[in-house]
Amino acid sequence: LDINLKELVELALNNYSNLEFNKEEVVNSIMEFFKERIKNLFRDLGIRYDVIDAILSSEINDISDMYLRATELNNWLGKDELVEMLTAFNRVSTLAQKAVSSDVNVELLKEEAEINLYKEFNNIKIKVKELLNDKKYSEALDSFASLRPSIDDMFDSVMVMDKDEAIKNNRLGLLKQIYDTMLSICDLSKIVYK
């Protein structure tokens, strides 16, 4: 069933408005319980543990949708350039955690590689959003993965952690935007590869 689990839990808890409790804490506890149940269910269905972790890292409350994403990601992991893609997105993920915000000031983009990545990302971001709306997760992953050469180029030719604080934060902001878009599909940094 295509149902928002979190909304369902919140709706059920509204029936207990006569009791004193922290609704947000209870909702989070119940959602954690369901996450553990979903992990076990998906494992029983033959989905890799790292794929499950990648899907459950995103804010998705629809179990049916989670399963669809998990099966498509499970299949998508057979790609030829998988190791290169995951390496690039792991670097993005690691640096994005250091960002103070996801704001990007275009005027602070000085290097050709970062300008190209910014432009390409903004084109892909719109396409990824449309594909996600249509539940075409494998195509969204393909579209997102097409950023890899530009990401590699930026890491090869640009010092992200620049001495100039504004430039550094701007570059981290760009990486954070890319990371946040990745999370709308799944967290590729959770995928284990050999």
C-alpha atoms as a PDB file:
ATOM      1  CA  LEU A   1       0.000   0.000   0.000  1.00  0.00           C
ATOM      2  CA  ASP A   2       1.166   3.489  -0.875  1.00  0.00           C
ATOM      3  CA  ILE A   3       0.786   5.051   2.588  1.00  0.00           C
ATOM      4  CA  ASN A   4       2.818   7.629   4.508  1.00  0.00           C
ATOM      5  CA  LEU A   5       3.722   5.713   7.666  1.00  0.00           C
ATOM      6  CA  LYS A   6       4.724   8.771   9.702  1.00  0.00           C
ATOM      7  CA  GLU A   7       1.409  10.506   8.977  1.00  0.00           C
ATOM      8  CA  LEU A   8      -0.409   7.331  10.006  1.00  0.00           C
ATOM      9  CA  VAL A   9       1.484   7.186  13.326  1.00  0.00           C
ATOM     10  CA  GLU A  10       0.785  10.879  14.009  1.00  0.00           C
ATOM     11  CA  LEU A  11      -2.892  10.384  13.196  1.00  0.00           C
ATOM     12  CA  ALA A  12      -3.092   7.410  15.591  1.00  0.00           C
ATOM     13  CA  LEU A  13      -1.422   9.407  18.375  1.00  0.00           C
ATOM     14  CA  ASN A  14      -3.988  12.201  17.991  1.00  0.00           C
ATOM     15  CA  ASN A  15      -6.455   9.798  19.623  1.00  0.00           C
ATOM     16  CA  TYR A  16      -4.434  10.132  22.852  1.00  0.00           C
ATOM     17  CA  SER A  17      -4.677  13.922  23.160  1.00  0.00           C
ATOM     18  CA  ASN A  18      -6.083  13.482  26.693  1.00  0.00           C
ATOM     19  CA  LEU A  19      -2.676  12.091  27.837  1.00  0.00           C
ATOM     20  CA  GLU A  20       0.457  14.095  28.603  1.00  0.00           C
ATOM     21  CA  PHE A  21       3.377  12.955  26.436  1.00  0.00           C
ATOM     22  CA  ASN A  22       5.977  14.304  24.027  1.00  0.00           C
ATOM     23  CA  LYS A  23       4.380  13.468  20.691  1.00  0.00           C
ATOM     24  CA  GLU A  24       7.556  14.024  18.676  1.00  0.00           C
ATOM     25  CA  GLU A  25       9.556  11.615  20.868  1.00  0.00           C
ATOM     26  CA  VAL A  26       6.858   8.940  20.650  1.00  0.00           C
ATOM     27  CA  VAL A  27       6.584   9.338  16.857  1.00  0.00           C
ATOM     28  CA  ASN A  28      10.384   8.989  16.545  1.00  0.00           C
ATOM     29  CA  SER A  29      10.380   5.877  18.762  1.00  0.00           C
ATOM     30  CA  ILE A  30       7.616   4.243  16.739  1.00  0.00           C
ATOM     31  CA  MET A  31       9.352   5.128  13.460  1.00  0.00           C
ATOM     32  CA  GLU A  32      12.604   3.596  14.769  1.00  0.00           C
ATOM     33  CA  PHE A  33      10.679   0.429  15.643  1.00  0.00           C
ATOM     34  CA  PHE A  34       9.274   0.286  12.094  1.00  0.00           C
ATOM     35  CA  LYS A  35      12.730   0.924  10.600  1.00  0.00           C
ATOM     36  CA  GLU A  36      14.065  -2.140  12.416  1.00  0.00           C
ATOM     37  CA  ARG A  37      11.109  -4.229  11.232  1.00  0.00           C
ATOM     38  CA  ILE A  38      11.626  -2.979   7.657  1.00  0.00           C
ATOM     39  CA  LYS A  39      15.334  -3.909   7.834  1.00  0.00           C
ATOM     40  CA  ASN A  40      14.444  -7.476   8.818  1.00  0.00           C
ATOM     41  CA  LEU A  41      11.692  -7.729   6.208  1.00  0.00           C
ATOM     42  CA  PHE A  42      13.935  -6.439   3.401  1.00  0.00           C
ATOM     43  CA  ARG A  43      16.769  -8.757   4.462  1.00  0.00           C
ATOM     44  CA  ASP A  44      14.335 -11.683   4.273  1.00  0.00           C
ATOM     45  CA  LEU A  45      13.420 -10.524   0.769  1.00  0.00           C
ATOM     46  CA  GLY A  46      17.072 -10.813  -0.317  1.00  0.00           C
ATOM     47  CA  ILE A  47      18.049  -7.142  -0.321  1.00  0.00           C
ATOM     48  CA  ARG A  48      21.654  -6.374   0.603  1.00  0.00           C
ATOM     49  CA  TYR A  49      22.162  -4.889   4.084  1.00  0.00           C
ATOM     50  CA  ASP A  50      24.069  -1.860   2.704  1.00  0.00           C
ATOM     51  CA  VAL A  51      21.250  -1.150   0.226  1.00  0.00           C
ATOM     52  CA  ILE A  52      18.786  -1.240   3.117  1.00  0.00           C
ATOM     53  CA  ASP A  53      20.969   1.218   5.063  1.00  0.00           C
ATOM     54  CA  ALA A  54      21.264   3.475   2.004  1.00  0.00           C
ATOM     55  CA  ILE A  55      17.475   3.594   1.588  1.00  0.00           C
ATOM     56  CA  LEU A  56      16.669   4.005   5.280  1.00  0.00           C
ATOM     57  CA  SER A  57      19.089   6.946   5.547  1.00  0.00           C
ATOM     58  CA  SER A  58      16.696   9.054   3.506  1.00  0.00           C
ATOM     59  CA  GLU A  59      13.500  10.619   4.832  1.00  0.00           C
ATOM     60  CA  ILE A  60      11.092   8.186   3.223  1.00  0.00           C
ATOM     61  CA  ASN A  61       8.002   7.148   5.137  1.00  0.00           C
ATOM     62  CA  ASP A  62       6.321   4.970   2.524  1.00  0.00           C
ATOM     63  CA  ILE A  63       7.291   1.280   2.913  1.00  0.00           C
ATOM     64  CA  SER A  64       6.081   0.416  -0.582  1.00  0.00           C
ATOM     65  CA  ASP A  65       8.256   3.197  -2.009  1.00  0.00           C
ATOM     66  CA  MET A  66      11.226   2.110   0.124  1.00  0.00           C
ATOM     67  CA  TYR A  67      10.928  -1.403  -1.269  1.00  0.00           C
ATOM     68  CA  LEU A  68      10.769  -0.113  -4.849  1.00  0.00           C
ATOM     69  CA  ARG A  69      13.866   2.054  -4.265  1.00  0.00           C
ATOM     70  CA  ALA A  70      15.710  -0.832  -2.589  1.00  0.00           C
ATOM     71  CA  THR A  71      15.044  -3.305  -5.406  1.00  0.00           C
ATOM     72  CA  GLU A  72      16.019  -0.757  -8.071  1.00  0.00           C
ATOM     73  CA  LEU A  73      19.222   0.169  -6.190  1.00  0.00           C
ATOM     74  CA  ASN A  74      19.979  -3.533  -5.652  1.00  0.00           C
ATOM     75  CA  ASN A  75      19.786  -4.043  -9.441  1.00  0.00           C
ATOM     76  CA  TRP A  76      21.580  -0.767 -10.237  1.00  0.00           C
ATOM     77  CA  LEU A  77      24.656  -1.882  -8.278  1.00  0.00           C
ATOM     78  CA  GLY A  78      25.631  -4.144 -11.177  1.00  0.00           C
ATOM     79  CA  LYS A  79      26.925  -1.123 -13.140  1.00  0.00           C
ATOM     80  CA  ASP A  80      30.409  -1.369 -14.685  1.00  0.00           C
ATOM     81  CA  GLU A  81      31.773   1.884 -13.219  1.00  0.00           C
ATOM     82  CA  LEU A  82      30.270   1.332  -9.779  1.00  0.00           C
ATOM     83  CA  VAL A  83      33.511   1.569  -7.768  1.00  0.00           C
ATOM     84  CA  GLU A  84      34.476   4.867  -9.435  1.00  0.00           C
ATOM     85  CA  MET A  85      30.986   6.288  -8.857  1.00  0.00           C
ATOM     86  CA  LEU A  86      30.864   5.269  -5.205  1.00  0.00           C
ATOM     87  CA  THR A  87      34.378   6.593  -4.582  1.00  0.00           C
ATOM     88  CA  ALA A  88      33.407  10.003  -5.987  1.00  0.00           C
ATOM     89  CA  PHE A  89      30.157  10.196  -4.018  1.00  0.00           C
ATOM     90  CA  ASN A  90      31.858   9.064  -0.808  1.00  0.00           C
ATOM     91  CA  ARG A  91      34.241  12.015  -1.157  1.00  0.00           C
ATOM     92  CA  VAL A  92      31.270  14.333  -1.703  1.00  0.00           C
ATOM     93  CA  SER A  93      29.532  12.876   1.352  1.00  0.00           C
ATOM     94  CA  THR A  94      32.578  13.234   3.607  1.00  0.00           C
ATOM     95  CA  LEU A  95      33.164  16.884   2.708  1.00  0.00           C
ATOM     96  CA  ALA A  96      29.465  17.796   2.657  1.00  0.00           C
ATOM     97  CA  GLN A  97      29.329  16.943   6.378  1.00  0.00           C
ATOM     98  CA  LYS A  98      31.733  19.855   6.965  1.00  0.00           C
ATOM     99  CA  ALA A  99      29.524  22.422   5.216  1.00  0.00           C
ATOM    100  CA  VAL A 100      28.033  25.189   7.338  1.00  0.00           C
ATOM    101  CA  SER A 101      25.238  25.656   4.775  1.00  0.00           C
ATOM    102  CA  SER A 102      24.244  24.585   1.276  1.00  0.00           C
ATOM    103  CA  ASP A 103      24.287  28.155  -0.052  1.00  0.00           C
ATOM    104  CA  VAL A 104      26.361  28.785  -3.164  1.00  0.00           C
ATOM    105  CA  ASN A 105      27.442  32.235  -4.281  1.00  0.00           C
ATOM    106  CA  VAL A 106      28.041  31.949  -8.047  1.00  0.00           C
ATOM    107  CA  GLU A 107      30.447  34.900  -7.954  1.00  0.00           C
ATOM    108  CA  LEU A 108      32.764  32.951  -5.647  1.00  0.00           C
ATOM    109  CA  LEU A 109      33.081  30.088  -8.146  1.00  0.00           C
ATOM    110  CA  LYS A 110      36.474  30.897  -9.688  1.00  0.00           C
ATOM    111  CA  GLU A 111      37.855  27.650 -11.098  1.00  0.00           C
ATOM    112  CA  GLU A 112      36.578  26.180 -14.358  1.00  0.00           C
ATOM    113  CA  ALA A 113      36.050  22.736 -12.818  1.00  0.00           C
ATOM    114  CA  GLU A 114      33.799  24.058 -10.018  1.00  0.00           C
ATOM    115  CA  ILE A 115      31.832  26.260 -12.443  1.00  0.00           C
ATOM    116  CA  ASN A 116      31.258  23.249 -14.717  1.00  0.00           C
ATOM    117  CA  LEU A 117      30.176  21.073 -11.798  1.00  0.00           C
ATOM    118  CA  TYR A 118      27.779  23.766 -10.570  1.00  0.00           C
ATOM    119  CA  LYS A 119      26.174  24.139 -14.029  1.00  0.00           C
ATOM    120  CA  GLU A 120      25.942  20.406 -14.671  1.00  0.00           C
ATOM    121  CA  PHE A 121      24.545  19.741 -11.206  1.00  0.00           C
ATOM    122  CA  ASN A 122      21.805  22.367 -11.641  1.00  0.00           C
ATOM    123  CA  ASN A 123      20.740  20.751 -14.927  1.00  0.00           C
ATOM    124  CA  ILE A 124      20.727  17.248 -13.433  1.00  0.00           C
ATOM    125  CA  LYS A 125      18.989  18.286 -10.190  1.00  0.00           C
ATOM    126  CA  ILE A 126      15.796  19.221 -12.070  1.00  0.00           C
ATOM    127  CA  LYS A 127      15.843  15.976 -14.058  1.00  0.00           C
ATOM    128  CA  VAL A 128      16.433  13.881 -10.915  1.00  0.00           C
ATOM    129  CA  LYS A 129      13.495  15.543  -9.167  1.00  0.00           C
ATOM    130  CA  GLU A 130      11.190  14.774 -12.113  1.00  0.00           C
ATOM    131  CA  LEU A 131      12.356  11.149 -12.239  1.00  0.00           C
ATOM    132  CA  LEU A 132      11.800  10.761  -8.483  1.00  0.00           C
ATOM    133  CA  ASN A 133       8.281  12.163  -8.834  1.00  0.00           C
ATOM    134  CA  ASP A 134       7.652   9.478 -11.479  1.00  0.00           C
ATOM    135  CA  LYS A 135       9.262   6.806  -9.210  1.00  0.00           C
ATOM    136  CA  LYS A 136      11.900   6.063 -11.861  1.00  0.00           C
ATOM    137  CA  TYR A 137      14.654   5.428  -9.332  1.00  0.00           C
ATOM    138  CA  SER A 138      17.102   3.577 -11.545  1.00  0.00           C
ATOM    139  CA  GLU A 139      16.960   6.396 -14.114  1.00  0.00           C
ATOM    140  CA  ALA A 140      17.359   8.975 -11.329  1.00  0.00           C
ATOM    141  CA  LEU A 141      20.491   7.119 -10.156  1.00  0.00           C
ATOM    142  CA  ASP A 142      21.827   7.024 -13.740  1.00  0.00           C
ATOM    143  CA  SER A 143      21.212  10.733 -14.142  1.00  0.00           C
ATOM    144  CA  PHE A 144      22.824  11.525 -10.799  1.00  0.00           C
ATOM    145  CA  ALA A 145      25.790   9.240 -11.518  1.00  0.00           C
ATOM    146  CA  SER A 146      26.493  11.169 -14.722  1.00  0.00           C
ATOM    147  CA  LEU A 147      27.926  13.880 -12.428  1.00  0.00           C
ATOM    148  CA  ARG A 148      30.876  11.653 -11.568  1.00  0.00           C
ATOM    149  CA  PRO A 149      33.337  12.936 -14.226  1.00  0.00           C
ATOM    150  CA  SER A 150      32.660  16.540 -13.183  1.00  0.00           C
ATOM    151  CA  ILE A 151      33.022  15.642  -9.500  1.00  0.00           C
ATOM    152  CA  ASP A 152      36.322  13.853 -10.215  1.00  0.00           C
ATOM    153  CA  ASP A 153      37.501  16.852 -12.254  1.00  0.00           C
ATOM    154  CA  MET A 154      36.731  19.230  -9.399  1.00  0.00           C
ATOM    155  CA  PHE A 155      38.530  17.080  -6.836  1.00  0.00           C
ATOM    156  CA  ASP A 156      41.529  16.725  -9.186  1.00  0.00           C
ATOM    157  CA  SER A 157      41.907  20.433  -9.978  1.00  0.00           C
ATOM    158  CA  VAL A 158      40.349  22.419  -7.113  1.00  0.00           C
ATOM    159  CA  MET A 159      41.421  22.682  -3.476  1.00  0.00           C
ATOM    160  CA  VAL A 160      38.040  22.414  -1.732  1.00  0.00           C
ATOM    161  CA  MET A 161      39.446  23.367   1.691  1.00  0.00           C
ATOM    162  CA  ASP A 162      40.800  26.701   0.439  1.00  0.00           C
ATOM    163  CA  LYS A 163      42.548  29.112   2.842  1.00  0.00           C
ATOM    164  CA  ASP A 164      39.929  31.722   1.981  1.00  0.00           C
ATOM    165  CA  GLU A 165      37.015  30.874   4.308  1.00  0.00           C
ATOM    166  CA  ALA A 166      34.335  32.237   1.939  1.00  0.00           C
ATOM    167  CA  ILE A 167      35.633  30.232  -1.034  1.00  0.00           C
ATOM    168  CA  LYS A 168      35.977  27.093   1.109  1.00  0.00           C
ATOM    169  CA  ASN A 169      32.426  27.427   2.473  1.00  0.00           C
ATOM    170  CA  ASN A 170      31.102  28.071  -1.026  1.00  0.00           C
ATOM    171  CA  ARG A 171      32.713  24.906  -2.370  1.00  0.00           C
ATOM    172  CA  LEU A 172      31.465  22.909   0.609  1.00  0.00           C
ATOM    173  CA  GLY A 173      27.998  24.394   0.002  1.00  0.00           C
ATOM    174  CA  LEU A 174      28.054  23.076  -3.572  1.00  0.00           C
ATOM    175  CA  LEU A 175      29.048  19.616  -2.340  1.00  0.00           C
ATOM    176  CA  LYS A 176      26.301  19.770   0.293  1.00  0.00           C
ATOM    177  CA  GLN A 177      23.714  20.540  -2.413  1.00  0.00           C
ATOM    178  CA  ILE A 178      24.923  17.516  -4.378  1.00  0.00           C
ATOM    179  CA  TYR A 179      24.841  15.365  -1.233  1.00  0.00           C
ATOM    180  CA  ASP A 180      21.320  16.534  -0.320  1.00  0.00           C
ATOM    181  CA  THR A 181      20.123  15.634  -3.816  1.00  0.00           C
ATOM    182  CA  MET A 182      21.747  12.211  -3.476  1.00  0.00           C
ATOM    183  CA  LEU A 183      19.872  11.718  -0.193  1.00  0.00           C
ATOM    184  CA  SER A 184      16.578  12.356  -1.982  1.00  0.00           C
ATOM    185  CA  ILE A 185      17.290   9.113  -3.871  1.00  0.00           C
ATOM    186  CA  CYS A 186      19.329   7.209  -1.262  1.00  0.00           C
ATOM    187  CA  ASP A 187      22.642   7.537   0.582  1.00  0.00           C
ATOM    188  CA  LEU A 188      25.203   6.049  -1.807  1.00  0.00           C
ATOM    189  CA  SER A 189      27.936   6.500   0.811  1.00  0.00           C
ATOM    190  CA  LYS A 190      26.378   3.561   2.721  1.00  0.00           C
ATOM    191  CA  ILE A 191      27.069   1.142  -0.148  1.00  0.00           C
ATOM    192  CA  VAL A 192      29.940  -1.253   0.525  1.00  0.00           C
ATOM    193  CA  TYR A 193      32.088  -2.186  -2.466  1.00  0.00           C
ATOM    194  CA  LYS A 194      35.132  -4.352  -2.958  1.00  0.00           C
END
